[in-house]
Amino acid sequence: MITTLCIDSDKQAKKDGKQLKDINLTEDEWNAISELISILEPFANATELLGGSQYVTVSFMYPAINVIIKDVKPSNSNSNEVEVVDFTEPNTAFDDDVKIANNQLIHHKIVNFKSQKCFI
């Protein structure tokens, strides 16, 4: 990725590439960033869509939430790596048992959507 930015014809991209090269992130850190980008992208898209101030966005809210739920929900192929986390209990929502195992991200499934009336 850094190499691509460093040889890009855009001056800003070259500058960004040099700054990133100076930071000297490891390959594992770049891989983690790539995974985070794919995880956070649906949230960024929904935020951008719902953040419009020149039009009514309420009609976009439920479809945007459904897209996020669909994108965050783990597929059947990695269901053995899913850790169920109940974010409805303030005492346990941020416990240390939500962790990364074997240096691989565990896909988290948010439970109890139906108990939170806004997701129906």
C-alpha atoms as a PDB file:
ATOM      1  CA  MET A   1       0.000   0.000   0.000  1.00  0.00           C
ATOM      2  CA  ILE A   2       2.784   2.432   0.905  1.00  0.00           C
ATOM      3  CA  THR A   3       4.632   1.570  -2.297  1.00  0.00           C
ATOM      4  CA  THR A   4       1.516   2.308  -4.336  1.00  0.00           C
ATOM      5  CA  LEU A   5       1.092   5.680  -2.643  1.00  0.00           C
ATOM      6  CA  CYS A   6       4.773   6.568  -3.049  1.00  0.00           C
ATOM      7  CA  ILE A   7       4.682   6.033  -6.830  1.00  0.00           C
ATOM      8  CA  ASP A   8       1.254   7.607  -7.359  1.00  0.00           C
ATOM      9  CA  SER A   9       1.177  10.593  -9.739  1.00  0.00           C
ATOM     10  CA  ASP A  10      -0.904  12.637  -7.284  1.00  0.00           C
ATOM     11  CA  LYS A  11       1.371  14.850  -5.164  1.00  0.00           C
ATOM     12  CA  GLN A  12      -0.856  14.559  -2.087  1.00  0.00           C
ATOM     13  CA  ALA A  13      -0.865  10.753  -2.367  1.00  0.00           C
ATOM     14  CA  LYS A  14       2.947  10.747  -2.621  1.00  0.00           C
ATOM     15  CA  LYS A  15       3.175  12.977   0.445  1.00  0.00           C
ATOM     16  CA  ASP A  16       0.777  10.681   2.335  1.00  0.00           C
ATOM     17  CA  GLY A  17       2.812   7.645   1.244  1.00  0.00           C
ATOM     18  CA  LYS A  18       6.033   9.205   2.533  1.00  0.00           C
ATOM     19  CA  GLN A  19       4.407  10.072   5.864  1.00  0.00           C
ATOM     20  CA  LEU A  20       3.069   6.537   6.199  1.00  0.00           C
ATOM     21  CA  LYS A  21       6.472   5.098   5.330  1.00  0.00           C
ATOM     22  CA  ASP A  22       8.044   7.268   8.038  1.00  0.00           C
ATOM     23  CA  ILE A  23       5.547   5.889  10.569  1.00  0.00           C
ATOM     24  CA  ASN A  24       6.915   2.451   9.686  1.00  0.00           C
ATOM     25  CA  LEU A  25       3.893   0.255  10.387  1.00  0.00           C
ATOM     26  CA  THR A  26       4.439  -3.493  10.258  1.00  0.00           C
ATOM     27  CA  GLU A  27       2.677  -5.757   7.766  1.00  0.00           C
ATOM     28  CA  ASP A  28       0.465  -7.110  10.577  1.00  0.00           C
ATOM     29  CA  GLU A  29      -0.564  -3.579  11.503  1.00  0.00           C
ATOM     30  CA  TRP A  30      -1.457  -2.836   7.870  1.00  0.00           C
ATOM     31  CA  ASN A  31      -3.504  -6.044   7.746  1.00  0.00           C
ATOM     32  CA  ALA A  32      -5.335  -5.028  10.934  1.00  0.00           C
ATOM     33  CA  ILE A  33      -6.050  -1.596   9.436  1.00  0.00           C
ATOM     34  CA  SER A  34      -7.414  -3.231   6.276  1.00  0.00           C
ATOM     35  CA  GLU A  35      -9.727  -5.428   8.347  1.00  0.00           C
ATOM     36  CA  LEU A  36     -10.887  -2.442  10.401  1.00  0.00           C
ATOM     37  CA  ILE A  37     -11.650  -0.489   7.242  1.00  0.00           C
ATOM     38  CA  SER A  38     -13.902  -3.253   5.956  1.00  0.00           C
ATOM     39  CA  ILE A  39     -15.619  -3.515   9.357  1.00  0.00           C
ATOM     40  CA  LEU A  40     -16.148   0.228   9.776  1.00  0.00           C
ATOM     41  CA  GLU A  41     -17.085   1.026   6.165  1.00  0.00           C
ATOM     42  CA  PRO A  42     -20.845   0.315   6.564  1.00  0.00           C
ATOM     43  CA  PHE A  43     -20.941   2.645   9.582  1.00  0.00           C
ATOM     44  CA  ALA A  44     -19.133   5.391   7.651  1.00  0.00           C
ATOM     45  CA  ASN A  45     -21.502   5.027   4.703  1.00  0.00           C
ATOM     46  CA  ALA A  46     -24.572   5.199   6.963  1.00  0.00           C
ATOM     47  CA  THR A  47     -23.154   8.206   8.806  1.00  0.00           C
ATOM     48  CA  GLU A  48     -22.523  10.004   5.531  1.00  0.00           C
ATOM     49  CA  LEU A  49     -26.000   9.174   4.230  1.00  0.00           C
ATOM     50  CA  LEU A  50     -27.808  10.151   7.433  1.00  0.00           C
ATOM     51  CA  GLY A  51     -25.651  13.232   7.997  1.00  0.00           C
ATOM     52  CA  GLY A  52     -27.158  15.081   5.032  1.00  0.00           C
ATOM     53  CA  SER A  53     -28.622  18.367   6.174  1.00  0.00           C
ATOM     54  CA  GLN A  54     -30.457  19.458   3.021  1.00  0.00           C
ATOM     55  CA  TYR A  55     -32.972  16.621   2.886  1.00  0.00           C
ATOM     56  CA  VAL A  56     -35.089  14.504   5.212  1.00  0.00           C
ATOM     57  CA  THR A  57     -33.090  11.451   6.317  1.00  0.00           C
ATOM     58  CA  VAL A  58     -35.604   9.645   8.543  1.00  0.00           C
ATOM     59  CA  SER A  59     -36.738   7.535   5.595  1.00  0.00           C
ATOM     60  CA  PHE A  60     -33.129   6.375   5.123  1.00  0.00           C
ATOM     61  CA  MET A  61     -32.627   5.385   8.759  1.00  0.00           C
ATOM     62  CA  TYR A  62     -34.150   1.884   8.772  1.00  0.00           C
ATOM     63  CA  PRO A  63     -32.595   0.785   5.462  1.00  0.00           C
ATOM     64  CA  ALA A  64     -29.203   2.065   6.652  1.00  0.00           C
ATOM     65  CA  ILE A  65     -29.538   0.157   9.932  1.00  0.00           C
ATOM     66  CA  ASN A  66     -30.538  -2.990   8.036  1.00  0.00           C
ATOM     67  CA  VAL A  67     -27.453  -2.714   5.815  1.00  0.00           C
ATOM     68  CA  ILE A  68     -25.235  -2.343   8.886  1.00  0.00           C
ATOM     69  CA  ILE A  69     -26.849  -5.350  10.587  1.00  0.00           C
ATOM     70  CA  LYS A  70     -26.440  -7.435   7.420  1.00  0.00           C
ATOM     71  CA  ASP A  71     -22.784  -6.421   7.047  1.00  0.00           C
ATOM     72  CA  VAL A  72     -21.898  -6.916  10.721  1.00  0.00           C
ATOM     73  CA  LYS A  73     -23.706 -10.234  11.098  1.00  0.00           C
ATOM     74  CA  PRO A  74     -21.196 -13.088  10.758  1.00  0.00           C
ATOM     75  CA  SER A  75     -21.571 -15.540   7.908  1.00  0.00           C
ATOM     76  CA  ASN A  76     -22.125 -19.265   8.476  1.00  0.00           C
ATOM     77  CA  SER A  77     -18.579 -20.012   7.302  1.00  0.00           C
ATOM     78  CA  ASN A  78     -17.044 -18.422  10.403  1.00  0.00           C
ATOM     79  CA  SER A  79     -19.815 -19.105  12.918  1.00  0.00           C
ATOM     80  CA  ASN A  80     -17.440 -21.125  15.111  1.00  0.00           C
ATOM     81  CA  GLU A  81     -15.412 -17.927  15.663  1.00  0.00           C
ATOM     82  CA  VAL A  82     -18.399 -15.867  16.812  1.00  0.00           C
ATOM     83  CA  GLU A  83     -18.441 -14.602  20.356  1.00  0.00           C
ATOM     84  CA  VAL A  84     -21.841 -13.435  21.565  1.00  0.00           C
ATOM     85  CA  VAL A  85     -21.625 -10.101  23.349  1.00  0.00           C
ATOM     86  CA  ASP A  86     -24.645  -8.657  25.130  1.00  0.00           C
ATOM     87  CA  PHE A  87     -24.344  -4.873  24.914  1.00  0.00           C
ATOM     88  CA  THR A  88     -27.642  -4.351  26.728  1.00  0.00           C
ATOM     89  CA  GLU A  89     -26.103  -4.998  30.158  1.00  0.00           C
ATOM     90  CA  PRO A  90     -23.947  -2.018  31.209  1.00  0.00           C
ATOM     91  CA  ASN A  91     -22.118  -4.147  33.790  1.00  0.00           C
ATOM     92  CA  THR A  92     -20.855  -6.655  31.221  1.00  0.00           C
ATOM     93  CA  ALA A  93     -20.786  -4.758  27.922  1.00  0.00           C
ATOM     94  CA  PHE A  94     -17.107  -3.904  28.168  1.00  0.00           C
ATOM     95  CA  ASP A  95     -15.733  -6.910  30.037  1.00  0.00           C
ATOM     96  CA  ASP A  96     -12.298  -8.200  29.191  1.00  0.00           C
ATOM     97  CA  ASP A  97     -13.732 -11.427  27.781  1.00  0.00           C
ATOM     98  CA  VAL A  98     -14.251  -9.605  24.469  1.00  0.00           C
ATOM     99  CA  LYS A  99     -10.796 -10.193  23.100  1.00  0.00           C
ATOM    100  CA  ILE A 100      -8.711 -11.145  20.126  1.00  0.00           C
ATOM    101  CA  ALA A 101      -7.792 -14.834  20.018  1.00  0.00           C
ATOM    102  CA  ASN A 102      -4.690 -16.104  18.277  1.00  0.00           C
ATOM    103  CA  ASN A 103      -4.050 -12.677  16.745  1.00  0.00           C
ATOM    104  CA  GLN A 104      -7.214 -13.027  14.660  1.00  0.00           C
ATOM    105  CA  LEU A 105     -10.217 -10.797  15.025  1.00  0.00           C
ATOM    106  CA  ILE A 106     -13.213 -12.556  16.522  1.00  0.00           C
ATOM    107  CA  HIS A 107     -16.455 -11.585  14.844  1.00  0.00           C
ATOM    108  CA  HIS A 108     -18.847 -10.220  17.412  1.00  0.00           C
ATOM    109  CA  LYS A 109     -22.548 -10.770  17.129  1.00  0.00           C
ATOM    110  CA  ILE A 110     -24.656  -8.157  18.809  1.00  0.00           C
ATOM    111  CA  VAL A 111     -27.585  -9.854  20.523  1.00  0.00           C
ATOM    112  CA  ASN A 112     -30.975  -8.669  21.650  1.00  0.00           C
ATOM    113  CA  PHE A 113     -31.743  -6.349  18.718  1.00  0.00           C
ATOM    114  CA  LYS A 114     -35.425  -7.141  19.160  1.00  0.00           C
ATOM    115  CA  SER A 115     -35.386  -5.992  22.772  1.00  0.00           C
ATOM    116  CA  GLN A 116     -34.248  -2.603  21.531  1.00  0.00           C
ATOM    117  CA  LYS A 117     -37.374  -1.406  19.750  1.00  0.00           C
ATOM    118  CA  CYS A 118     -35.459   0.854  17.337  1.00  0.00           C
ATOM    119  CA  PHE A 119     -34.147  -2.151  15.368  1.00  0.00           C
ATOM    120  CA  ILE A 120     -37.512  -3.708  14.535  1.00  0.00           C
END
